[in-house]
Amino acid sequence: TSKESSPEYHSQVAWAKFKSLRRHLPSVH
């Protein structure tokens, strides 16, 4: 996740990255 981040931002970044994976690679499990 981001180099300098609060725990809340870490969670936001992880969620955004997960959403990107699901949006762009939906058939990959």
mmCIF file of all heavy atoms, coordinates in Angstrom:
data_MODEL
# 
_entry.id   MODEL 
# 
loop_
_atom_site.group_PDB 
_atom_site.id 
_atom_site.type_symbol 
_atom_site.label_atom_id 
_atom_site.label_alt_id 
_atom_site.label_comp_id 
_atom_site.label_asym_id 
_atom_site.label_entity_id 
_atom_site.label_seq_id 
_atom_site.pdbx_PDB_ins_code 
_atom_site.Cartn_x 
_atom_site.Cartn_y 
_atom_site.Cartn_z 
_atom_site.occupancy 
_atom_site.B_iso_or_equiv 
_atom_site.pdbx_formal_charge 
_atom_site.auth_seq_id 
_atom_site.auth_comp_id 
_atom_site.auth_asym_id 
_atom_site.auth_atom_id 
_atom_site.pdbx_PDB_model_num 
ATOM 1   N N   . THR A 1 1  ? 0.866   -1.172  0.000   1.00 0.00 ? 1  THR A N   1 
ATOM 2   C CA  . THR A 1 1  ? 0.000   0.000   0.000   1.00 0.00 ? 1  THR A CA  1 
ATOM 3   C C   . THR A 1 1  ? 0.909   1.230   0.000   1.00 0.00 ? 1  THR A C   1 
ATOM 4   O O   . THR A 1 1  ? 2.120   1.107   -0.151  1.00 0.00 ? 1  THR A O   1 
ATOM 5   C CB  . THR A 1 1  ? -0.975  0.000   1.199   1.00 0.00 ? 1  THR A CB  1 
ATOM 6   O OG1 . THR A 1 1  ? -0.238  -0.053  2.409   1.00 0.00 ? 1  THR A OG1 1 
ATOM 7   C CG2 . THR A 1 1  ? -1.934  -1.187  1.105   1.00 0.00 ? 1  THR A CG2 1 
ATOM 8   N N   . SER A 1 2  ? 0.331   2.393   0.171   1.00 0.00 ? 2  SER A N   1 
ATOM 9   C CA  . SER A 1 2  ? 1.077   3.642   0.047   1.00 0.00 ? 2  SER A CA  1 
ATOM 10  C C   . SER A 1 2  ? 2.196   3.752   1.079   1.00 0.00 ? 2  SER A C   1 
ATOM 11  O O   . SER A 1 2  ? 2.071   3.288   2.216   1.00 0.00 ? 2  SER A O   1 
ATOM 12  C CB  . SER A 1 2  ? 0.111   4.821   0.188   1.00 0.00 ? 2  SER A CB  1 
ATOM 13  O OG  . SER A 1 2  ? 0.745   6.017   -0.123  1.00 0.00 ? 2  SER A OG  1 
ATOM 14  N N   . LYS A 1 3  ? 3.281   4.405   0.675   1.00 0.00 ? 3  LYS A N   1 
ATOM 15  C CA  . LYS A 1 3  ? 4.481   4.518   1.502   1.00 0.00 ? 3  LYS A CA  1 
ATOM 16  C C   . LYS A 1 3  ? 4.199   5.159   2.856   1.00 0.00 ? 3  LYS A C   1 
ATOM 17  O O   . LYS A 1 3  ? 4.640   4.674   3.886   1.00 0.00 ? 3  LYS A O   1 
ATOM 18  C CB  . LYS A 1 3  ? 5.543   5.316   0.754   1.00 0.00 ? 3  LYS A CB  1 
ATOM 19  C CG  . LYS A 1 3  ? 6.887   5.365   1.440   1.00 0.00 ? 3  LYS A CG  1 
ATOM 20  C CD  . LYS A 1 3  ? 7.904   6.049   0.553   1.00 0.00 ? 3  LYS A CD  1 
ATOM 21  C CE  . LYS A 1 3  ? 9.292   5.990   1.132   1.00 0.00 ? 3  LYS A CE  1 
ATOM 22  N NZ  . LYS A 1 3  ? 10.283  6.589   0.251   1.00 0.00 ? 3  LYS A NZ  1 
ATOM 23  N N   . GLU A 1 4  ? 3.498   6.250   2.866   1.00 0.00 ? 4  GLU A N   1 
ATOM 24  C CA  . GLU A 1 4  ? 3.184   6.953   4.111   1.00 0.00 ? 4  GLU A CA  1 
ATOM 25  C C   . GLU A 1 4  ? 1.671   6.945   4.277   1.00 0.00 ? 4  GLU A C   1 
ATOM 26  O O   . GLU A 1 4  ? 0.969   7.656   3.559   1.00 0.00 ? 4  GLU A O   1 
ATOM 27  C CB  . GLU A 1 4  ? 3.698   8.386   4.054   1.00 0.00 ? 4  GLU A CB  1 
ATOM 28  C CG  . GLU A 1 4  ? 5.192   8.465   3.837   1.00 0.00 ? 4  GLU A CG  1 
ATOM 29  C CD  . GLU A 1 4  ? 5.664   9.853   3.461   1.00 0.00 ? 4  GLU A CD  1 
ATOM 30  O OE1 . GLU A 1 4  ? 4.846   10.789  3.420   1.00 0.00 ? 4  GLU A OE1 1 
ATOM 31  O OE2 . GLU A 1 4  ? 6.861   9.985   3.185   1.00 0.00 ? 4  GLU A OE2 1 
ATOM 32  N N   . SER A 1 5  ? 1.199   6.124   5.196   1.00 0.00 ? 5  SER A N   1 
ATOM 33  C CA  . SER A 1 5  ? -0.252  6.068   5.328   1.00 0.00 ? 5  SER A CA  1 
ATOM 34  C C   . SER A 1 5  ? -0.685  5.694   6.735   1.00 0.00 ? 5  SER A C   1 
ATOM 35  O O   . SER A 1 5  ? 0.011   4.966   7.446   1.00 0.00 ? 5  SER A O   1 
ATOM 36  C CB  . SER A 1 5  ? -0.838  5.063   4.326   1.00 0.00 ? 5  SER A CB  1 
ATOM 37  O OG  . SER A 1 5  ? -0.447  3.756   4.614   1.00 0.00 ? 5  SER A OG  1 
ATOM 38  N N   . SER A 1 6  ? -1.830  6.201   7.079   1.00 0.00 ? 6  SER A N   1 
ATOM 39  C CA  . SER A 1 6  ? -2.466  5.831   8.336   1.00 0.00 ? 6  SER A CA  1 
ATOM 40  C C   . SER A 1 6  ? -3.078  4.438   8.156   1.00 0.00 ? 6  SER A C   1 
ATOM 41  O O   . SER A 1 6  ? -3.246  3.969   7.025   1.00 0.00 ? 6  SER A O   1 
ATOM 42  C CB  . SER A 1 6  ? -3.566  6.840   8.667   1.00 0.00 ? 6  SER A CB  1 
ATOM 43  O OG  . SER A 1 6  ? -4.588  6.770   7.670   1.00 0.00 ? 6  SER A OG  1 
ATOM 44  N N   . PRO A 1 7  ? -3.445  3.787   9.245   1.00 0.00 ? 7  PRO A N   1 
ATOM 45  C CA  . PRO A 1 7  ? -4.118  2.479   9.118   1.00 0.00 ? 7  PRO A CA  1 
ATOM 46  C C   . PRO A 1 7  ? -5.406  2.569   8.292   1.00 0.00 ? 7  PRO A C   1 
ATOM 47  O O   . PRO A 1 7  ? -5.720  1.657   7.528   1.00 0.00 ? 7  PRO A O   1 
ATOM 48  C CB  . PRO A 1 7  ? -4.410  2.083   10.566  1.00 0.00 ? 7  PRO A CB  1 
ATOM 49  C CG  . PRO A 1 7  ? -3.386  2.808   11.370  1.00 0.00 ? 7  PRO A CG  1 
ATOM 50  C CD  . PRO A 1 7  ? -3.157  4.119   10.649  1.00 0.00 ? 7  PRO A CD  1 
ATOM 51  N N   . GLU A 1 8  ? -6.120  3.681   8.417   1.00 0.00 ? 8  GLU A N   1 
ATOM 52  C CA  . GLU A 1 8  ? -7.358  3.850   7.653   1.00 0.00 ? 8  GLU A CA  1 
ATOM 53  C C   . GLU A 1 8  ? -7.060  3.949   6.158   1.00 0.00 ? 8  GLU A C   1 
ATOM 54  O O   . GLU A 1 8  ? -7.752  3.363   5.338   1.00 0.00 ? 8  GLU A O   1 
ATOM 55  C CB  . GLU A 1 8  ? -8.122  5.101   8.112   1.00 0.00 ? 8  GLU A CB  1 
ATOM 56  C CG  . GLU A 1 8  ? -8.637  5.046   9.532   1.00 0.00 ? 8  GLU A CG  1 
ATOM 57  C CD  . GLU A 1 8  ? -7.556  5.370   10.577  1.00 0.00 ? 8  GLU A CD  1 
ATOM 58  O OE1 . GLU A 1 8  ? -6.513  5.978   10.237  1.00 0.00 ? 8  GLU A OE1 1 
ATOM 59  O OE2 . GLU A 1 8  ? -7.746  4.977   11.737  1.00 0.00 ? 8  GLU A OE2 1 
ATOM 60  N N   . TYR A 1 9  ? -6.007  4.686   5.821   1.00 0.00 ? 9  TYR A N   1 
ATOM 61  C CA  . TYR A 1 9  ? -5.650  4.827   4.415   1.00 0.00 ? 9  TYR A CA  1 
ATOM 62  C C   . TYR A 1 9  ? -5.130  3.503   3.856   1.00 0.00 ? 9  TYR A C   1 
ATOM 63  O O   . TYR A 1 9  ? -5.410  3.157   2.714   1.00 0.00 ? 9  TYR A O   1 
ATOM 64  C CB  . TYR A 1 9  ? -4.621  5.947   4.226   1.00 0.00 ? 9  TYR A CB  1 
ATOM 65  C CG  . TYR A 1 9  ? -4.326  6.249   2.781   1.00 0.00 ? 9  TYR A CG  1 
ATOM 66  C CD1 . TYR A 1 9  ? -5.357  6.524   1.882   1.00 0.00 ? 9  TYR A CD1 1 
ATOM 67  C CD2 . TYR A 1 9  ? -3.018  6.261   2.311   1.00 0.00 ? 9  TYR A CD2 1 
ATOM 68  C CE1 . TYR A 1 9  ? -5.089  6.807   0.551   1.00 0.00 ? 9  TYR A CE1 1 
ATOM 69  C CE2 . TYR A 1 9  ? -2.740  6.544   0.980   1.00 0.00 ? 9  TYR A CE2 1 
ATOM 70  C CZ  . TYR A 1 9  ? -3.779  6.817   0.105   1.00 0.00 ? 9  TYR A CZ  1 
ATOM 71  O OH  . TYR A 1 9  ? -3.514  7.084   -1.214  1.00 0.00 ? 9  TYR A OH  1 
ATOM 72  N N   . HIS A 1 10 ? -4.401  2.765   4.649   1.00 0.00 ? 10 HIS A N   1 
ATOM 73  C CA  . HIS A 1 10 ? -3.952  1.433   4.232   1.00 0.00 ? 10 HIS A CA  1 
ATOM 74  C C   . HIS A 1 10 ? -5.168  0.604   3.800   1.00 0.00 ? 10 HIS A C   1 
ATOM 75  O O   . HIS A 1 10 ? -5.145  -0.041  2.747   1.00 0.00 ? 10 HIS A O   1 
ATOM 76  C CB  . HIS A 1 10 ? -3.198  0.741   5.372   1.00 0.00 ? 10 HIS A CB  1 
ATOM 77  C CG  . HIS A 1 10 ? -2.837  -0.684  5.096   1.00 0.00 ? 10 HIS A CG  1 
ATOM 78  N ND1 . HIS A 1 10 ? -1.678  -1.049  4.456   1.00 0.00 ? 10 HIS A ND1 1 
ATOM 79  C CD2 . HIS A 1 10 ? -3.502  -1.834  5.354   1.00 0.00 ? 10 HIS A CD2 1 
ATOM 80  C CE1 . HIS A 1 10 ? -1.642  -2.368  4.340   1.00 0.00 ? 10 HIS A CE1 1 
ATOM 81  N NE2 . HIS A 1 10 ? -2.730  -2.859  4.892   1.00 0.00 ? 10 HIS A NE2 1 
ATOM 82  N N   . SER A 1 11 ? -6.212  0.628   4.580   1.00 0.00 ? 11 SER A N   1 
ATOM 83  C CA  . SER A 1 11 ? -7.435  -0.122  4.262   1.00 0.00 ? 11 SER A CA  1 
ATOM 84  C C   . SER A 1 11 ? -8.102  0.408   2.996   1.00 0.00 ? 11 SER A C   1 
ATOM 85  O O   . SER A 1 11 ? -8.589  -0.375  2.176   1.00 0.00 ? 11 SER A O   1 
ATOM 86  C CB  . SER A 1 11 ? -8.430  -0.058  5.425   1.00 0.00 ? 11 SER A CB  1 
ATOM 87  O OG  . SER A 1 11 ? -7.891  -0.709  6.545   1.00 0.00 ? 11 SER A OG  1 
ATOM 88  N N   . GLN A 1 12 ? -8.129  1.736   2.828   1.00 0.00 ? 12 GLN A N   1 
ATOM 89  C CA  . GLN A 1 12 ? -8.721  2.327   1.620   1.00 0.00 ? 12 GLN A CA  1 
ATOM 90  C C   . GLN A 1 12 ? -7.947  1.919   0.374   1.00 0.00 ? 12 GLN A C   1 
ATOM 91  O O   . GLN A 1 12 ? -8.539  1.596   -0.663  1.00 0.00 ? 12 GLN A O   1 
ATOM 92  C CB  . GLN A 1 12 ? -8.759  3.843   1.730   1.00 0.00 ? 12 GLN A CB  1 
ATOM 93  C CG  . GLN A 1 12 ? -9.721  4.382   2.747   1.00 0.00 ? 12 GLN A CG  1 
ATOM 94  C CD  . GLN A 1 12 ? -9.546  5.884   2.950   1.00 0.00 ? 12 GLN A CD  1 
ATOM 95  O OE1 . GLN A 1 12 ? -8.909  6.563   2.162   1.00 0.00 ? 12 GLN A OE1 1 
ATOM 96  N NE2 . GLN A 1 12 ? -10.117 6.386   4.038   1.00 0.00 ? 12 GLN A NE2 1 
ATOM 97  N N   . VAL A 1 13 ? -6.629  1.934   0.457   1.00 0.00 ? 13 VAL A N   1 
ATOM 98  C CA  . VAL A 1 13 ? -5.787  1.551   -0.675  1.00 0.00 ? 13 VAL A CA  1 
ATOM 99  C C   . VAL A 1 13 ? -5.989  0.072   -0.998  1.00 0.00 ? 13 VAL A C   1 
ATOM 100 O O   . VAL A 1 13 ? -6.151  -0.300  -2.164  1.00 0.00 ? 13 VAL A O   1 
ATOM 101 C CB  . VAL A 1 13 ? -4.301  1.866   -0.403  1.00 0.00 ? 13 VAL A CB  1 
ATOM 102 C CG1 . VAL A 1 13 ? -3.401  1.239   -1.456  1.00 0.00 ? 13 VAL A CG1 1 
ATOM 103 C CG2 . VAL A 1 13 ? -4.091  3.373   -0.337  1.00 0.00 ? 13 VAL A CG2 1 
ATOM 104 N N   . ALA A 1 14 ? -5.999  -0.763  0.015   1.00 0.00 ? 14 ALA A N   1 
ATOM 105 C CA  . ALA A 1 14 ? -6.209  -2.196  -0.209  1.00 0.00 ? 14 ALA A CA  1 
ATOM 106 C C   . ALA A 1 14 ? -7.556  -2.436  -0.888  1.00 0.00 ? 14 ALA A C   1 
ATOM 107 O O   . ALA A 1 14 ? -7.646  -3.231  -1.836  1.00 0.00 ? 14 ALA A O   1 
ATOM 108 C CB  . ALA A 1 14 ? -6.126  -2.951  1.114   1.00 0.00 ? 14 ALA A CB  1 
ATOM 109 N N   . TRP A 1 15 ? -8.582  -1.747  -0.454  1.00 0.00 ? 15 TRP A N   1 
ATOM 110 C CA  . TRP A 1 15 ? -9.902  -1.911  -1.049  1.00 0.00 ? 15 TRP A CA  1 
ATOM 111 C C   . TRP A 1 15 ? -9.901  -1.430  -2.509  1.00 0.00 ? 15 TRP A C   1 
ATOM 112 O O   . TRP A 1 15 ? -10.436 -2.097  -3.389  1.00 0.00 ? 15 TRP A O   1 
ATOM 113 C CB  . TRP A 1 15 ? -10.959 -1.165  -0.235  1.00 0.00 ? 15 TRP A CB  1 
ATOM 114 C CG  . TRP A 1 15 ? -12.345 -1.305  -0.806  1.00 0.00 ? 15 TRP A CG  1 
ATOM 115 C CD1 . TRP A 1 15 ? -13.135 -0.313  -1.283  1.00 0.00 ? 15 TRP A CD1 1 
ATOM 116 C CD2 . TRP A 1 15 ? -13.095 -2.512  -0.971  1.00 0.00 ? 15 TRP A CD2 1 
ATOM 117 N NE1 . TRP A 1 15 ? -14.334 -0.829  -1.734  1.00 0.00 ? 15 TRP A NE1 1 
ATOM 118 C CE2 . TRP A 1 15 ? -14.332 -2.179  -1.546  1.00 0.00 ? 15 TRP A CE2 1 
ATOM 119 C CE3 . TRP A 1 15 ? -12.836 -3.851  -0.685  1.00 0.00 ? 15 TRP A CE3 1 
ATOM 120 C CZ2 . TRP A 1 15 ? -15.309 -3.129  -1.854  1.00 0.00 ? 15 TRP A CZ2 1 
ATOM 121 C CZ3 . TRP A 1 15 ? -13.814 -4.804  -0.991  1.00 0.00 ? 15 TRP A CZ3 1 
ATOM 122 C CH2 . TRP A 1 15 ? -15.024 -4.436  -1.557  1.00 0.00 ? 15 TRP A CH2 1 
ATOM 123 N N   . ALA A 1 16 ? -9.264  -0.303  -2.788  1.00 0.00 ? 16 ALA A N   1 
ATOM 124 C CA  . ALA A 1 16 ? -9.196  0.218   -4.157  1.00 0.00 ? 16 ALA A CA  1 
ATOM 125 C C   . ALA A 1 16 ? -8.442  -0.754  -5.065  1.00 0.00 ? 16 ALA A C   1 
ATOM 126 O O   . ALA A 1 16 ? -8.851  -1.010  -6.206  1.00 0.00 ? 16 ALA A O   1 
ATOM 127 C CB  . ALA A 1 16 ? -8.533  1.596   -4.174  1.00 0.00 ? 16 ALA A CB  1 
ATOM 128 N N   . LYS A 1 17 ? -7.352  -1.302  -4.580  1.00 0.00 ? 17 LYS A N   1 
ATOM 129 C CA  . LYS A 1 17 ? -6.587  -2.259  -5.375  1.00 0.00 ? 17 LYS A CA  1 
ATOM 130 C C   . LYS A 1 17 ? -7.402  -3.524  -5.632  1.00 0.00 ? 17 LYS A C   1 
ATOM 131 O O   . LYS A 1 17 ? -7.399  -4.065  -6.740  1.00 0.00 ? 17 LYS A O   1 
ATOM 132 C CB  . LYS A 1 17 ? -5.267  -2.609  -4.682  1.00 0.00 ? 17 LYS A CB  1 
ATOM 133 C CG  . LYS A 1 17 ? -4.256  -1.489  -4.731  1.00 0.00 ? 17 LYS A CG  1 
ATOM 134 C CD  . LYS A 1 17 ? -2.944  -1.940  -4.117  1.00 0.00 ? 17 LYS A CD  1 
ATOM 135 C CE  . LYS A 1 17 ? -1.875  -0.893  -4.307  1.00 0.00 ? 17 LYS A CE  1 
ATOM 136 N NZ  . LYS A 1 17 ? -0.536  -1.486  -4.328  1.00 0.00 ? 17 LYS A NZ  1 
ATOM 137 N N   . PHE A 1 18 ? -8.095  -3.993  -4.616  1.00 0.00 ? 18 PHE A N   1 
ATOM 138 C CA  . PHE A 1 18 ? -8.940  -5.170  -4.787  1.00 0.00 ? 18 PHE A CA  1 
ATOM 139 C C   . PHE A 1 18 ? -10.021 -4.912  -5.833  1.00 0.00 ? 18 PHE A C   1 
ATOM 140 O O   . PHE A 1 18 ? -10.274 -5.754  -6.701  1.00 0.00 ? 18 PHE A O   1 
ATOM 141 C CB  . PHE A 1 18 ? -9.563  -5.569  -3.440  1.00 0.00 ? 18 PHE A CB  1 
ATOM 142 C CG  . PHE A 1 18 ? -10.452 -6.770  -3.540  1.00 0.00 ? 18 PHE A CG  1 
ATOM 143 C CD1 . PHE A 1 18 ? -9.905  -8.045  -3.617  1.00 0.00 ? 18 PHE A CD1 1 
ATOM 144 C CD2 . PHE A 1 18 ? -11.829 -6.634  -3.560  1.00 0.00 ? 18 PHE A CD2 1 
ATOM 145 C CE1 . PHE A 1 18 ? -10.722 -9.159  -3.718  1.00 0.00 ? 18 PHE A CE1 1 
ATOM 146 C CE2 . PHE A 1 18 ? -12.651 -7.739  -3.666  1.00 0.00 ? 18 PHE A CE2 1 
ATOM 147 C CZ  . PHE A 1 18 ? -12.098 -9.005  -3.749  1.00 0.00 ? 18 PHE A CZ  1 
ATOM 148 N N   . LYS A 1 19 ? -10.653 -3.743  -5.756  1.00 0.00 ? 19 LYS A N   1 
ATOM 149 C CA  . LYS A 1 19 ? -11.687 -3.390  -6.734  1.00 0.00 ? 19 LYS A CA  1 
ATOM 150 C C   . LYS A 1 19 ? -11.118 -3.346  -8.147  1.00 0.00 ? 19 LYS A C   1 
ATOM 151 O O   . LYS A 1 19 ? -11.766 -3.795  -9.101  1.00 0.00 ? 19 LYS A O   1 
ATOM 152 C CB  . LYS A 1 19 ? -12.331 -2.049  -6.373  1.00 0.00 ? 19 LYS A CB  1 
ATOM 153 C CG  . LYS A 1 19 ? -13.312 -2.151  -5.211  1.00 0.00 ? 19 LYS A CG  1 
ATOM 154 C CD  . LYS A 1 19 ? -13.837 -0.811  -4.752  1.00 0.00 ? 19 LYS A CD  1 
ATOM 155 C CE  . LYS A 1 19 ? -14.598 -0.072  -5.801  1.00 0.00 ? 19 LYS A CE  1 
ATOM 156 N NZ  . LYS A 1 19 ? -15.216 1.168   -5.282  1.00 0.00 ? 19 LYS A NZ  1 
ATOM 157 N N   . SER A 1 20 ? -9.911  -2.820  -8.310  1.00 0.00 ? 20 SER A N   1 
ATOM 158 C CA  . SER A 1 20 ? -9.286  -2.771  -9.626  1.00 0.00 ? 20 SER A CA  1 
ATOM 159 C C   . SER A 1 20 ? -9.030  -4.173  -10.175 1.00 0.00 ? 20 SER A C   1 
ATOM 160 O O   . SER A 1 20 ? -9.253  -4.435  -11.359 1.00 0.00 ? 20 SER A O   1 
ATOM 161 C CB  . SER A 1 20 ? -7.981  -1.989  -9.577  1.00 0.00 ? 20 SER A CB  1 
ATOM 162 O OG  . SER A 1 20 ? -8.249  -0.621  -9.389  1.00 0.00 ? 20 SER A OG  1 
ATOM 163 N N   . LEU A 1 21 ? -8.566  -5.054  -9.329  1.00 0.00 ? 21 LEU A N   1 
ATOM 164 C CA  . LEU A 1 21 ? -8.357  -6.438  -9.765  1.00 0.00 ? 21 LEU A CA  1 
ATOM 165 C C   . LEU A 1 21 ? -9.662  -7.078  -10.210 1.00 0.00 ? 21 LEU A C   1 
ATOM 166 O O   . LEU A 1 21 ? -9.723  -7.738  -11.253 1.00 0.00 ? 21 LEU A O   1 
ATOM 167 C CB  . LEU A 1 21 ? -7.734  -7.273  -8.645  1.00 0.00 ? 21 LEU A CB  1 
ATOM 168 C CG  . LEU A 1 21 ? -6.267  -7.056  -8.354  1.00 0.00 ? 21 LEU A CG  1 
ATOM 169 C CD1 . LEU A 1 21 ? -5.863  -7.779  -7.065  1.00 0.00 ? 21 LEU A CD1 1 
ATOM 170 C CD2 . LEU A 1 21 ? -5.399  -7.527  -9.520  1.00 0.00 ? 21 LEU A CD2 1 
ATOM 171 N N   . ARG A 1 22 ? -10.699 -6.895  -9.426  1.00 0.00 ? 22 ARG A N   1 
ATOM 172 C CA  . ARG A 1 22 ? -12.004 -7.498  -9.759  1.00 0.00 ? 22 ARG A CA  1 
ATOM 173 C C   . ARG A 1 22 ? -12.583 -6.886  -11.035 1.00 0.00 ? 22 ARG A C   1 
ATOM 174 O O   . ARG A 1 22 ? -13.197 -7.585  -11.834 1.00 0.00 ? 22 ARG A O   1 
ATOM 175 C CB  . ARG A 1 22 ? -13.003 -7.334  -8.609  1.00 0.00 ? 22 ARG A CB  1 
ATOM 176 C CG  . ARG A 1 22 ? -12.644 -8.054  -7.349  1.00 0.00 ? 22 ARG A CG  1 
ATOM 177 C CD  . ARG A 1 22 ? -12.428 -9.565  -7.472  1.00 0.00 ? 22 ARG A CD  1 
ATOM 178 N NE  . ARG A 1 22 ? -13.491 -10.239 -8.166  1.00 0.00 ? 22 ARG A NE  1 
ATOM 179 C CZ  . ARG A 1 22 ? -13.338 -11.324 -8.935  1.00 0.00 ? 22 ARG A CZ  1 
ATOM 180 N NH1 . ARG A 1 22 ? -12.152 -11.858 -9.098  1.00 0.00 ? 22 ARG A NH1 1 
ATOM 181 N NH2 . ARG A 1 22 ? -14.357 -11.880 -9.534  1.00 0.00 ? 22 ARG A NH2 1 
ATOM 182 N N   . ARG A 1 23 ? -12.390 -5.586  -11.230 1.00 0.00 ? 23 ARG A N   1 
ATOM 183 C CA  . ARG A 1 23 ? -12.936 -4.922  -12.414 1.00 0.00 ? 23 ARG A CA  1 
ATOM 184 C C   . ARG A 1 23 ? -12.191 -5.339  -13.678 1.00 0.00 ? 23 ARG A C   1 
ATOM 185 O O   . ARG A 1 23 ? -12.808 -5.598  -14.706 1.00 0.00 ? 23 ARG A O   1 
ATOM 186 C CB  . ARG A 1 23 ? -12.873 -3.403  -12.251 1.00 0.00 ? 23 ARG A CB  1 
ATOM 187 C CG  . ARG A 1 23 ? -13.461 -2.661  -13.471 1.00 0.00 ? 23 ARG A CG  1 
ATOM 188 C CD  . ARG A 1 23 ? -13.511 -1.173  -13.285 1.00 0.00 ? 23 ARG A CD  1 
ATOM 189 N NE  . ARG A 1 23 ? -12.149 -0.654  -13.277 1.00 0.00 ? 23 ARG A NE  1 
ATOM 190 C CZ  . ARG A 1 23 ? -11.745 0.366   -12.547 1.00 0.00 ? 23 ARG A CZ  1 
ATOM 191 N NH1 . ARG A 1 23 ? -12.574 0.985   -11.748 1.00 0.00 ? 23 ARG A NH1 1 
ATOM 192 N NH2 . ARG A 1 23 ? -10.512 0.794   -12.602 1.00 0.00 ? 23 ARG A NH2 1 
ATOM 193 N N   . HIS A 1 24 ? -10.881 -5.410  -13.607 1.00 0.00 ? 24 HIS A N   1 
ATOM 194 C CA  . HIS A 1 24 ? -10.085 -5.662  -14.807 1.00 0.00 ? 24 HIS A CA  1 
ATOM 195 C C   . HIS A 1 24 ? -9.775  -7.137  -15.061 1.00 0.00 ? 24 HIS A C   1 
ATOM 196 O O   . HIS A 1 24 ? -9.467  -7.505  -16.198 1.00 0.00 ? 24 HIS A O   1 
ATOM 197 C CB  . HIS A 1 24 ? -8.774  -4.872  -14.742 1.00 0.00 ? 24 HIS A CB  1 
ATOM 198 C CG  . HIS A 1 24 ? -8.970  -3.398  -14.844 1.00 0.00 ? 24 HIS A CG  1 
ATOM 199 N ND1 . HIS A 1 24 ? -9.281  -2.773  -16.032 1.00 0.00 ? 24 HIS A ND1 1 
ATOM 200 C CD2 . HIS A 1 24 ? -8.918  -2.426  -13.914 1.00 0.00 ? 24 HIS A CD2 1 
ATOM 201 C CE1 . HIS A 1 24 ? -9.388  -1.474  -15.830 1.00 0.00 ? 24 HIS A CE1 1 
ATOM 202 N NE2 . HIS A 1 24 ? -9.183  -1.233  -14.547 1.00 0.00 ? 24 HIS A NE2 1 
ATOM 203 N N   . LEU A 1 25 ? -9.828  -7.958  -14.039 1.00 0.00 ? 25 LEU A N   1 
ATOM 204 C CA  . LEU A 1 25 ? -9.550  -9.387  -14.192 1.00 0.00 ? 25 LEU A CA  1 
ATOM 205 C C   . LEU A 1 25 ? -10.639 -10.212 -13.498 1.00 0.00 ? 25 LEU A C   1 
ATOM 206 O O   . LEU A 1 25 ? -10.365 -11.014 -12.599 1.00 0.00 ? 25 LEU A O   1 
ATOM 207 C CB  . LEU A 1 25 ? -8.170  -9.728  -13.601 1.00 0.00 ? 25 LEU A CB  1 
ATOM 208 C CG  . LEU A 1 25 ? -6.967  -9.160  -14.351 1.00 0.00 ? 25 LEU A CG  1 
ATOM 209 C CD1 . LEU A 1 25 ? -5.696  -9.241  -13.510 1.00 0.00 ? 25 LEU A CD1 1 
ATOM 210 C CD2 . LEU A 1 25 ? -6.783  -9.889  -15.676 1.00 0.00 ? 25 LEU A CD2 1 
ATOM 211 N N   . PRO A 1 26 ? -11.895 -10.032 -13.911 1.00 0.00 ? 26 PRO A N   1 
ATOM 212 C CA  . PRO A 1 26 ? -12.998 -10.682 -13.193 1.00 0.00 ? 26 PRO A CA  1 
ATOM 213 C C   . PRO A 1 26 ? -12.991 -12.208 -13.261 1.00 0.00 ? 26 PRO A C   1 
ATOM 214 O O   . PRO A 1 26 ? -13.518 -12.858 -12.367 1.00 0.00 ? 26 PRO A O   1 
ATOM 215 C CB  . PRO A 1 26 ? -14.248 -10.098 -13.865 1.00 0.00 ? 26 PRO A CB  1 
ATOM 216 C CG  . PRO A 1 26 ? -13.784 -9.723  -15.236 1.00 0.00 ? 26 PRO A CG  1 
ATOM 217 C CD  . PRO A 1 26 ? -12.368 -9.257  -15.055 1.00 0.00 ? 26 PRO A CD  1 
ATOM 218 N N   . SER A 1 27 ? -12.400 -12.782 -14.286 1.00 0.00 ? 27 SER A N   1 
ATOM 219 C CA  . SER A 1 27 ? -12.404 -14.249 -14.411 1.00 0.00 ? 27 SER A CA  1 
ATOM 220 C C   . SER A 1 27 ? -11.271 -14.912 -13.646 1.00 0.00 ? 27 SER A C   1 
ATOM 221 O O   . SER A 1 27 ? -11.215 -16.136 -13.564 1.00 0.00 ? 27 SER A O   1 
ATOM 222 C CB  . SER A 1 27 ? -12.330 -14.653 -15.889 1.00 0.00 ? 27 SER A CB  1 
ATOM 223 O OG  . SER A 1 27 ? -11.043 -14.382 -16.411 1.00 0.00 ? 27 SER A OG  1 
ATOM 224 N N   . VAL A 1 28 ? -10.384 -14.114 -13.077 1.00 0.00 ? 28 VAL A N   1 
ATOM 225 C CA  . VAL A 1 28 ? -9.245  -14.671 -12.347 1.00 0.00 ? 28 VAL A CA  1 
ATOM 226 C C   . VAL A 1 28 ? -9.608  -14.807 -10.875 1.00 0.00 ? 28 VAL A C   1 
ATOM 227 O O   . VAL A 1 28 ? -10.048 -13.854 -10.242 1.00 0.00 ? 28 VAL A O   1 
ATOM 228 C CB  . VAL A 1 28 ? -7.989  -13.782 -12.527 1.00 0.00 ? 28 VAL A CB  1 
ATOM 229 C CG1 . VAL A 1 28 ? -6.839  -14.302 -11.674 1.00 0.00 ? 28 VAL A CG1 1 
ATOM 230 C CG2 . VAL A 1 28 ? -7.596  -13.702 -13.993 1.00 0.00 ? 28 VAL A CG2 1 
ATOM 231 N N   . HIS A 1 29 ? -9.404  -16.002 -10.363 1.00 0.00 ? 29 HIS A N   1 
ATOM 232 C CA  . HIS A 1 29 ? -9.679  -16.275 -8.952  1.00 0.00 ? 29 HIS A CA  1 
ATOM 233 C C   . HIS A 1 29 ? -8.340  -16.554 -8.275  1.00 0.00 ? 29 HIS A C   1 
ATOM 234 O O   . HIS A 1 29 ? -7.847  -17.689 -8.279  1.00 0.00 ? 29 HIS A O   1 
ATOM 235 C CB  . HIS A 1 29 ? -10.654 -17.440 -8.807  1.00 0.00 ? 29 HIS A CB  1 
ATOM 236 C CG  . HIS A 1 29 ? -11.954 -17.172 -9.496  1.00 0.00 ? 29 HIS A CG  1 
ATOM 237 N ND1 . HIS A 1 29 ? -12.894 -16.302 -9.004  1.00 0.00 ? 29 HIS A ND1 1 
ATOM 238 C CD2 . HIS A 1 29 ? -12.425 -17.601 -10.681 1.00 0.00 ? 29 HIS A CD2 1 
ATOM 239 C CE1 . HIS A 1 29 ? -13.912 -16.227 -9.842  1.00 0.00 ? 29 HIS A CE1 1 
ATOM 240 N NE2 . HIS A 1 29 ? -13.644 -17.001 -10.870 1.00 0.00 ? 29 HIS A NE2 1 
# 
